[in-house]
Amino acid sequence: MEVVNRVESRSGYLSYEAALGARKLVEEIMLVKPGESVVITVDTAGDDRVAELTAQAVQAAGASPVVVRYPTNPSSAMEPPSPVAGAIASADVWIEYAVGYLMHSNAFRHAMETGKPRYVNLTGMDVAMLVDTVGRVDFAGTMRLGKALVRLLEQADEVRITTPAGTDLTARNGDRPINLRGKPAERPGETIMLAGQISWNPLEETQQGVLVFDGAVWPPDELGLLRTPVRMPVKDGVVTGIEGDADATVFRRWMEGLDDPNMFRIAHWSLGFNPGVLRPTGRIVEDERVFGCVELGLGTKGAWIGGEPWVAAAHTDGSLLNPSIYLDGEAIEIDGRYVHPELVEICRELGVSGY
């Protein structure tokens, strides 16, 4: 997988800053309470330092940490060893760091339906990501920006997204919910994500145009940071072709190799706005939250998104850089910079560069 290289072997590297990030994650985001059981899953491709720091923060919060480490699956949403499935189903809180993440797997669905842990997907999070996207981020302020974006989308019907790379997609929201995923985990069985993203899926039959991934795509593992754009015509919410150079060839072969028509269905639209992410890194949790980006998912669609859910062989996400977003014809963002007055003011309060 093509990623920005920031590997640091010293155990002391960002150790204090990462400890603060782990504490914020445990106490402010996952709302861990004394006496709760917290399962932390990490595969052999994950960052053990992040898992260990999180376990320490859980212990300090008066809860019981259990770290479950297991071999890395070849792809996301594959089934884990049975002891892993048992552990997550019995947890009060589940924090997932595995690169081959379990979200959208049968084990995940069983845990969320029966055990009902409060769950966060932080696939592939490393020490630098924990510091940049959690430890140094104004969580409350980022939520305020997310709520403003949710409100603007809820008030609009037609959405149009364009990018310099060639994306030109339109759709209608209808009565579909707009989901702020970067929020505190407050309810049993609730799935949250890292701060700095809202997600929804407009009415499938209204999704028309051209989608171009130009930031990052993952999976497949052969991609990550994109060297060349991946262009896809879209009709009625379905990708009808995959065009481009080398990266598009890799992506097309992977998609077609799964032999599942549902892989070509658009599962969600997302807006990214984590102030700690200013460029793609090849790590999908960050790439979905590049400040001002748009991200779309293909494949399995979770029920939480709204509308009809479906299951596919996998799920993949790709990012769009420097987008312009129009709601009922009015621009709220132009070439990657918010222009709506309310959004601009919040960006200034957050200290985002350029506002």
Protein backbone atom coordinates (compact mmCIF):
# COMPACT_ATOMS: atom_id res chain seq x y z
CA MET A 1 0.00 0.00 0.00
CA GLU A 2 1.42 3.39 -1.00
CA VAL A 3 1.62 5.60 2.11
CA VAL A 4 3.53 8.62 3.34
CA ASN A 5 6.57 7.19 5.16
CA ARG A 6 6.68 8.38 8.75
CA VAL A 7 7.88 5.26 10.53
CA GLU A 8 9.84 6.01 13.69
CA SER A 9 11.35 3.11 15.61
CA ARG A 10 12.08 4.96 18.86
CA SER A 11 9.52 4.10 21.54
CA GLY A 12 9.77 7.62 22.92
CA TYR A 13 8.77 9.27 19.64
CA LEU A 14 5.73 11.47 20.37
CA SER A 15 5.16 9.39 23.50
CA TYR A 16 3.72 12.19 25.65
CA GLU A 17 1.59 13.57 22.82
CA ALA A 18 0.27 10.13 21.91
CA ALA A 19 -0.59 9.42 25.55
CA LEU A 20 -2.72 12.58 25.56
CA GLY A 21 -4.43 11.44 22.35
CA ALA A 22 -5.21 8.04 23.85
CA ARG A 23 -6.67 9.66 26.96
CA LYS A 24 -8.88 11.98 24.88
CA LEU A 25 -10.06 9.04 22.80
CA VAL A 26 -10.94 6.94 25.84
CA GLU A 27 -12.47 9.63 28.05
CA GLU A 28 -13.92 12.31 25.72
CA ILE A 29 -14.88 10.25 22.68
CA MET A 30 -15.60 6.69 23.83
CA LEU A 31 -16.87 7.92 27.23
CA VAL A 32 -15.37 4.93 29.03
CA LYS A 33 -16.72 4.53 32.56
CA PRO A 34 -15.24 2.75 35.60
CA GLY A 35 -15.98 -0.96 35.59
CA GLU A 36 -16.58 -1.28 31.84
CA SER A 37 -14.81 -3.86 29.70
CA VAL A 38 -12.99 -2.35 26.73
CA VAL A 39 -11.76 -4.60 23.91
CA ILE A 40 -9.00 -3.18 21.70
CA THR A 41 -8.47 -5.14 18.49
CA VAL A 42 -5.28 -4.77 16.46
CA ASP A 43 -3.90 -7.03 13.76
CA THR A 44 -0.24 -7.73 13.02
CA ALA A 45 -0.17 -4.84 10.51
CA GLY A 46 -1.39 -2.39 13.15
CA ASP A 47 0.61 -0.14 15.47
CA ASP A 48 1.14 -1.90 18.81
CA ARG A 49 2.16 1.36 20.50
CA VAL A 50 -1.27 2.84 19.85
CA ALA A 51 -2.99 -0.25 21.24
CA GLU A 52 -0.78 -0.24 24.35
CA LEU A 53 -1.27 3.48 25.02
CA THR A 54 -5.03 3.04 24.65
CA ALA A 55 -5.01 0.12 27.10
CA GLN A 56 -3.13 2.24 29.62
CA ALA A 57 -5.68 5.06 29.24
CA VAL A 58 -8.53 2.59 29.74
CA GLN A 59 -6.91 1.26 32.93
CA ALA A 60 -6.40 4.83 34.18
CA ALA A 61 -10.11 5.49 33.59
CA GLY A 62 -11.00 2.66 35.96
CA ALA A 63 -12.11 0.25 33.25
CA SER A 64 -10.73 -3.14 32.19
CA PRO A 65 -8.68 -3.18 28.96
CA VAL A 66 -8.33 -6.34 26.86
CA VAL A 67 -6.01 -6.15 23.84
CA VAL A 68 -6.73 -8.76 21.14
CA ARG A 69 -4.00 -9.14 18.52
CA TYR A 70 -4.40 -11.52 15.59
CA PRO A 71 -3.06 -12.18 12.06
CA THR A 72 -3.88 -9.58 9.41
CA ASN A 73 -6.65 -10.53 7.00
CA PRO A 74 -5.97 -10.07 3.26
CA SER A 75 -8.81 -7.56 2.99
CA SER A 76 -11.31 -5.65 5.09
CA ALA A 77 -14.64 -7.09 6.28
CA MET A 78 -13.31 -10.65 6.35
CA GLU A 79 -14.19 -12.87 9.30
CA PRO A 80 -11.72 -12.95 12.22
CA PRO A 81 -10.70 -15.96 14.31
CA SER A 82 -13.64 -17.06 16.48
CA PRO A 83 -12.09 -15.89 19.79
CA VAL A 84 -11.94 -12.36 18.37
CA ALA A 85 -15.63 -12.49 17.47
CA GLY A 86 -16.43 -13.66 20.98
CA ALA A 87 -14.43 -10.89 22.62
CA ILE A 88 -16.02 -8.05 20.68
CA ALA A 89 -19.53 -9.39 21.25
CA SER A 90 -19.02 -9.31 25.02
CA ALA A 91 -17.41 -5.85 25.27
CA ASP A 92 -18.98 -2.65 26.57
CA VAL A 93 -16.63 -0.66 24.32
CA TRP A 94 -14.78 -1.85 21.22
CA ILE A 95 -11.90 0.17 19.76
CA GLU A 96 -10.68 -1.22 16.41
CA TYR A 97 -7.17 -0.48 15.13
CA ALA A 98 -6.80 -3.42 12.72
CA VAL A 99 -5.66 -2.61 9.18
CA GLY A 100 -7.83 -5.46 7.85
CA TYR A 101 -10.77 -4.03 9.77
CA LEU A 102 -13.83 -6.04 10.77
CA MET A 103 -16.51 -3.43 10.14
CA HIS A 104 -19.09 -4.85 7.65
CA SER A 105 -18.13 -8.45 8.56
CA ASN A 106 -20.62 -10.93 10.00
CA ALA A 107 -18.70 -10.83 13.30
CA PHE A 108 -19.16 -7.06 13.40
CA ARG A 109 -22.88 -7.28 12.66
CA HIS A 110 -23.39 -9.98 15.28
CA ALA A 111 -21.54 -7.97 17.93
CA MET A 112 -23.48 -4.78 17.21
CA GLU A 113 -26.84 -6.57 17.16
CA THR A 114 -26.39 -8.79 20.22
CA GLY A 115 -23.55 -7.52 22.40
CA LYS A 116 -24.09 -3.87 21.45
CA PRO A 117 -20.66 -2.41 22.29
CA ARG A 118 -19.96 1.26 21.66
CA TYR A 119 -17.67 0.94 18.64
CA VAL A 120 -15.14 3.11 16.83
CA ASN A 121 -13.31 2.17 13.62
CA LEU A 122 -9.77 3.59 13.65
CA THR A 123 -8.30 1.20 11.11
CA GLY A 124 -4.55 1.49 10.68
CA MET A 125 -4.10 4.31 13.21
CA ASP A 126 -0.45 4.90 14.04
CA VAL A 127 1.18 7.14 16.63
CA ALA A 128 1.43 10.18 14.34
CA MET A 129 -2.24 9.83 13.37
CA LEU A 130 -3.31 9.55 17.01
CA VAL A 131 -1.46 12.77 17.78
CA ASP A 132 -2.51 14.74 14.69
CA THR A 133 -6.18 13.71 14.45
CA VAL A 134 -7.09 13.28 18.13
CA GLY A 135 -4.52 14.69 20.54
CA ARG A 136 -4.07 18.07 18.84
CA VAL A 137 -7.62 18.54 17.58
CA ASP A 138 -10.31 20.70 19.18
CA PHE A 139 -12.94 17.97 19.37
CA ALA A 140 -15.81 20.25 20.39
CA GLY A 141 -14.96 22.79 17.69
CA THR A 142 -14.70 20.11 15.01
CA MET A 143 -18.11 18.78 16.08
CA ARG A 144 -19.48 22.31 15.76
CA LEU A 145 -18.25 22.48 12.16
CA GLY A 146 -19.76 19.06 11.49
CA LYS A 147 -23.14 20.07 12.90
CA ALA A 148 -23.15 23.17 10.69
CA LEU A 149 -22.45 21.04 7.61
CA VAL A 150 -25.19 18.60 8.63
CA ARG A 151 -27.69 21.42 8.98
CA LEU A 152 -26.84 22.90 5.58
CA LEU A 153 -27.23 19.50 3.90
CA GLU A 154 -30.49 18.79 5.72
CA GLN A 155 -31.91 22.05 4.40
CA ALA A 156 -30.91 21.25 0.81
CA ASP A 157 -32.31 18.85 -1.75
CA GLU A 158 -29.95 18.94 -4.74
CA VAL A 159 -26.24 18.39 -4.14
CA ARG A 160 -23.61 18.88 -6.80
CA ILE A 161 -19.90 18.14 -6.35
CA THR A 162 -17.19 19.06 -8.84
CA THR A 163 -13.39 18.85 -8.70
CA PRO A 164 -10.50 20.04 -10.87
CA ALA A 165 -9.72 16.37 -11.59
CA GLY A 166 -13.07 15.93 -13.37
CA THR A 167 -15.67 14.86 -10.81
CA ASP A 168 -19.13 16.21 -11.60
CA LEU A 169 -21.77 14.41 -9.56
CA THR A 170 -25.34 15.45 -8.79
CA ALA A 171 -27.95 13.86 -6.56
CA ARG A 172 -30.99 14.62 -4.42
CA ASN A 173 -31.06 14.04 -0.68
CA GLY A 174 -34.77 13.44 -0.33
CA ASP A 175 -35.45 12.59 3.30
CA ARG A 176 -32.21 10.70 3.84
CA PRO A 177 -30.47 11.35 7.20
CA ILE A 178 -27.16 13.22 7.34
CA ASN A 179 -24.92 11.46 9.87
CA LEU A 180 -22.28 13.15 12.00
CA ARG A 181 -20.02 10.19 12.76
CA GLY A 182 -17.23 12.01 14.65
CA LYS A 183 -19.13 12.37 17.92
CA PRO A 184 -19.00 10.87 21.41
CA ALA A 185 -20.07 7.22 21.66
CA GLU A 186 -23.13 7.62 23.85
CA ARG A 187 -25.38 4.61 23.20
CA PRO A 188 -24.92 0.82 23.27
CA GLY A 189 -24.55 -0.53 19.75
CA GLU A 190 -23.52 2.86 18.37
CA THR A 191 -20.91 3.02 15.61
CA ILE A 192 -18.80 6.16 15.48
CA MET A 193 -15.78 7.21 13.49
CA LEU A 194 -12.86 9.58 13.92
CA ALA A 195 -13.80 13.26 14.28
CA GLY A 196 -14.05 15.26 11.09
CA GLN A 197 -16.52 13.45 8.85
CA ILE A 198 -20.21 13.46 8.00
CA SER A 199 -21.76 10.74 5.84
CA TRP A 200 -25.00 10.10 4.01
CA ASN A 201 -26.23 8.51 0.82
CA PRO A 202 -28.50 10.54 -1.45
CA LEU A 203 -31.37 8.77 -3.22
CA GLU A 204 -29.56 6.16 -5.29
CA GLU A 205 -31.57 6.65 -8.47
CA THR A 206 -30.70 10.38 -8.49
CA GLN A 207 -26.92 9.92 -8.35
CA GLN A 208 -25.62 10.79 -11.81
CA GLY A 209 -22.43 12.03 -13.46
CA VAL A 210 -18.71 11.32 -13.19
CA LEU A 211 -16.73 10.36 -10.09
CA VAL A 212 -12.94 10.80 -10.06
CA PHE A 213 -10.81 9.55 -7.17
CA ASP A 214 -7.63 11.65 -7.15
CA GLY A 215 -6.40 11.56 -3.54
CA ALA A 216 -6.31 8.01 -2.23
CA VAL A 217 -8.18 4.70 -2.54
CA TRP A 218 -8.17 1.73 -0.17
CA PRO A 219 -8.61 -1.18 -0.47
CA PRO A 220 -7.03 -2.81 -2.51
CA ASP A 221 -3.67 -2.94 -0.74
CA GLU A 222 -1.88 -2.23 -4.04
CA LEU A 223 -3.19 1.34 -3.93
CA GLY A 224 -3.42 3.85 -1.10
CA LEU A 225 -2.00 7.15 -2.32
CA LEU A 226 -2.97 7.60 -5.97
CA ARG A 227 -0.38 8.46 -8.59
CA THR A 228 -2.98 8.83 -11.36
CA PRO A 229 -6.74 9.57 -11.15
CA VAL A 230 -9.40 6.87 -11.31
CA ARG A 231 -12.38 8.02 -13.43
CA MET A 232 -15.80 6.37 -13.12
CA PRO A 233 -19.05 7.24 -14.89
CA VAL A 234 -22.05 6.94 -12.55
CA LYS A 235 -25.66 6.18 -13.48
CA ASP A 236 -28.44 5.77 -10.93
CA GLY A 237 -25.93 5.39 -8.11
CA VAL A 238 -23.92 2.66 -9.86
CA VAL A 239 -20.39 2.90 -11.26
CA THR A 240 -20.64 1.81 -14.90
CA GLY A 241 -16.94 1.84 -15.79
CA ILE A 242 -13.44 2.40 -14.41
CA GLU A 243 -11.10 4.42 -16.60
CA GLY A 244 -7.59 5.83 -16.34
CA ASP A 245 -3.96 4.79 -16.25
CA ALA A 246 -2.04 2.37 -14.02
CA ASP A 247 -3.95 2.96 -10.77
CA ALA A 248 -7.30 2.67 -12.52
CA THR A 249 -6.19 -0.67 -14.02
CA VAL A 250 -5.31 -2.00 -10.56
CA PHE A 251 -8.60 -0.79 -9.13
CA ARG A 252 -10.68 -2.16 -12.01
CA ARG A 253 -9.05 -5.60 -11.79
CA TRP A 254 -9.65 -5.75 -8.04
CA MET A 255 -13.27 -4.65 -8.32
CA GLU A 256 -14.04 -7.05 -11.17
CA GLY A 257 -12.19 -9.87 -9.41
CA LEU A 258 -14.65 -9.75 -6.52
CA ASP A 259 -17.38 -10.78 -9.00
CA ASP A 260 -20.12 -8.92 -7.12
CA PRO A 261 -22.38 -6.32 -8.80
CA ASN A 262 -23.01 -4.68 -5.41
CA MET A 263 -19.36 -3.60 -5.33
CA PHE A 264 -20.18 -1.03 -8.02
CA ARG A 265 -22.98 0.60 -6.02
CA ILE A 266 -22.20 3.86 -4.25
CA ALA A 267 -22.65 3.19 -0.52
CA HIS A 268 -22.14 6.69 0.89
CA TRP A 269 -21.01 10.25 0.29
CA SER A 270 -18.85 11.84 2.99
CA LEU A 271 -17.33 15.23 3.72
CA GLY A 272 -13.96 15.38 5.50
CA PHE A 273 -12.92 18.20 7.84
CA ASN A 274 -10.44 17.07 10.48
CA PRO A 275 -8.14 20.07 11.12
CA GLY A 276 -5.22 17.72 11.74
CA VAL A 277 -5.30 16.22 8.23
CA LEU A 278 -4.07 18.56 5.49
CA ARG A 279 -3.10 16.01 2.80
CA PRO A 280 -3.64 12.35 1.95
CA THR A 281 -1.25 9.87 3.54
CA GLY A 282 -2.46 6.52 2.18
CA ARG A 283 -4.06 5.69 5.54
CA ILE A 284 -7.78 5.65 4.83
CA VAL A 285 -8.90 6.99 8.23
CA GLU A 286 -6.92 10.16 7.51
CA ASP A 287 -7.64 10.28 3.79
CA GLU A 288 -11.39 10.35 4.42
CA ARG A 289 -10.90 13.40 6.64
CA VAL A 290 -8.50 15.64 4.71
CA PHE A 291 -9.78 19.09 5.61
CA GLY A 292 -12.30 20.14 2.95
CA CYS A 293 -12.24 16.88 0.98
CA VAL A 294 -15.09 14.69 -0.26
CA GLU A 295 -14.96 10.90 0.02
CA LEU A 296 -17.22 8.23 -1.46
CA GLY A 297 -17.55 4.57 -0.56
CA LEU A 298 -18.40 1.66 -2.86
CA GLY A 299 -19.63 -1.79 -1.89
CA THR A 300 -21.33 -2.81 1.36
CA LYS A 301 -23.71 -0.18 2.69
CA GLY A 302 -24.41 -0.14 6.42
CA ALA A 303 -27.94 0.30 7.72
CA TRP A 304 -26.91 3.39 9.71
CA ILE A 305 -26.43 5.40 6.49
CA GLY A 306 -30.15 5.49 5.77
CA GLY A 307 -32.20 4.04 2.95
CA GLU A 308 -31.79 0.47 1.75
CA PRO A 309 -28.71 -1.33 3.13
CA TRP A 310 -26.94 -4.04 1.15
CA VAL A 311 -24.03 -6.44 1.51
CA ALA A 312 -21.18 -6.77 -0.99
CA ALA A 313 -17.95 -8.75 -1.13
CA ALA A 314 -16.06 -5.78 0.38
CA HIS A 315 -16.13 -2.02 0.88
CA THR A 316 -13.69 0.51 -0.55
CA ASP A 317 -13.28 4.26 -0.08
CA GLY A 318 -11.77 6.93 -2.30
CA SER A 319 -11.10 10.63 -1.79
CA LEU A 320 -11.66 13.71 -3.95
CA LEU A 321 -9.38 16.70 -3.45
CA ASN A 322 -10.14 20.43 -3.83
CA PRO A 323 -13.90 19.94 -4.32
CA SER A 324 -16.57 22.53 -4.95
CA ILE A 325 -19.89 21.76 -3.26
CA TYR A 326 -23.19 23.31 -4.34
CA LEU A 327 -26.40 22.92 -2.33
CA ASP A 328 -29.48 23.83 -4.38
CA GLY A 329 -27.14 25.81 -6.62
CA GLU A 330 -25.42 27.78 -3.83
CA ALA A 331 -21.72 27.15 -3.24
CA ILE A 332 -20.63 26.32 0.30
CA GLU A 333 -17.10 25.32 -0.78
CA ILE A 334 -14.98 26.27 -3.79
CA ASP A 335 -11.83 24.38 -4.76
CA GLY A 336 -11.39 22.92 -1.29
CA ARG A 337 -12.06 26.09 0.73
CA TYR A 338 -15.32 26.73 2.54
CA VAL A 339 -17.03 29.94 1.44
CA HIS A 340 -20.28 29.78 3.40
CA PRO A 341 -20.04 32.54 6.07
CA GLU A 342 -20.92 30.27 9.01
CA LEU A 343 -18.37 27.65 7.97
CA VAL A 344 -15.68 30.29 7.41
CA GLU A 345 -16.22 31.71 10.90
CA ILE A 346 -15.94 28.27 12.55
CA CYS A 347 -12.76 27.58 10.57
CA ARG A 348 -11.31 30.84 11.90
CA GLU A 349 -12.20 29.86 15.46
CA LEU A 350 -10.49 26.49 14.93
CA GLY A 351 -7.38 28.26 13.65
CA VAL A 352 -7.42 26.51 10.30
CA SER A 353 -4.72 27.91 8.01
CA GLY A 354 -6.03 30.25 5.30
CA TYR A 355 -9.19 31.35 7.11
